[in-house]
Amino acid sequence: VMSILLHGDAAFAGQGVVYETFHLSDLPSYTTNGTIHVVVNNQIGFTTDPRMARSSPYPTDVARVVNAPIFHVNADDPEAVMYVCSVAAEWRNTFNKDVVVDLVCYRRRGHNEMDEPMFTQPLMYKQIHKQVPVLKKYADKLIADGTVTLQEFEEEIAKYDRICEEAYTRSKDNKILHIKHWLDSPWPGFFNVDGEPKSMSCPPTGISEELLTHIGNVASTVPVEDFKIHSGLSRILKARAEMTKNRLVDWALAEYMAFGSVLKEGIHVRLSGQDVERGTF
């Protein structure tokens, strides 16, 4: 399995989750043994000039925090892009570390069909409108090299257009929406044939009071004999034992009951997060 994340330039530079993910990338319990980050650097946040959006020249500079190699590549050169992506994959496979591919490119139009980027970026978009589109640029190069003929190129374009047109036509015939086709992980038997969920009744999950008392007692004792425990902690344990005895439950004890009952069934429970170790929650 290879982990690949696709980012926009504005988000990569400006969203905290990117920085956090980098800092988790090499921790023993979190690592994916290297992620390939592909940044489509086309000034997606074009309403804000880069010099007003970040303090460093490249949106990818945030990756330097973990010394990840960063490849800046001209997206108008598809062969260079392919080469750089191969090198990135090789880096990840060899060193199991994150690597970043910065696709330096542009948006021909705005965010969507209704958007007019000329309002906020007139000079840049005058330049963009003069650019030869990458497909035409590359096709002309291949035809000039004799790698493909004009006829072969036109046939490929027609073939692709046909795939899109046929899919569009077929989409109009769909009367039933099959939810399970686009769910991340279709649970077997969760939906009926019409794509509707089956009845949502849950099997009873209750456990006996005897078992709850047992979990409460275990959760309010120390497993090691003659272990000197912090007085603040022993107060909490005492209060917890008292609650169990009086058949009372607060949030923390309820959580213990839930974890304990799952563990009793032999199911592994893993707690993860910054406050878990000191037991805040």
Foldseek 3Di string as FASTA:
>chain_A
DAAEAEEELLCLQPPPVNLVCLVCCPDPVRHPLEYEYEYADAPLVLLDDPVRRHPDDGSNVSNCVNPAEEAEDELLDVVRVVVVVVVQVVCSVVRSYYHYYYHHDHDLQHNDPVDHSCVRCVVVNVVSVPDDDSVVVVVVVCCVVVVDPPVVVVVVVVVVVVVVVVVVVVVVVDPADQVQVPDPHRDPPQADPSNHGDDPDDDDDDDDLVLLLVLLLVVLDDPDPPDDDDPVSNVVSVVSNVCSVVVHDDPLSVVSSVVSVCVVVVDDDDDDDDCPVVPPD
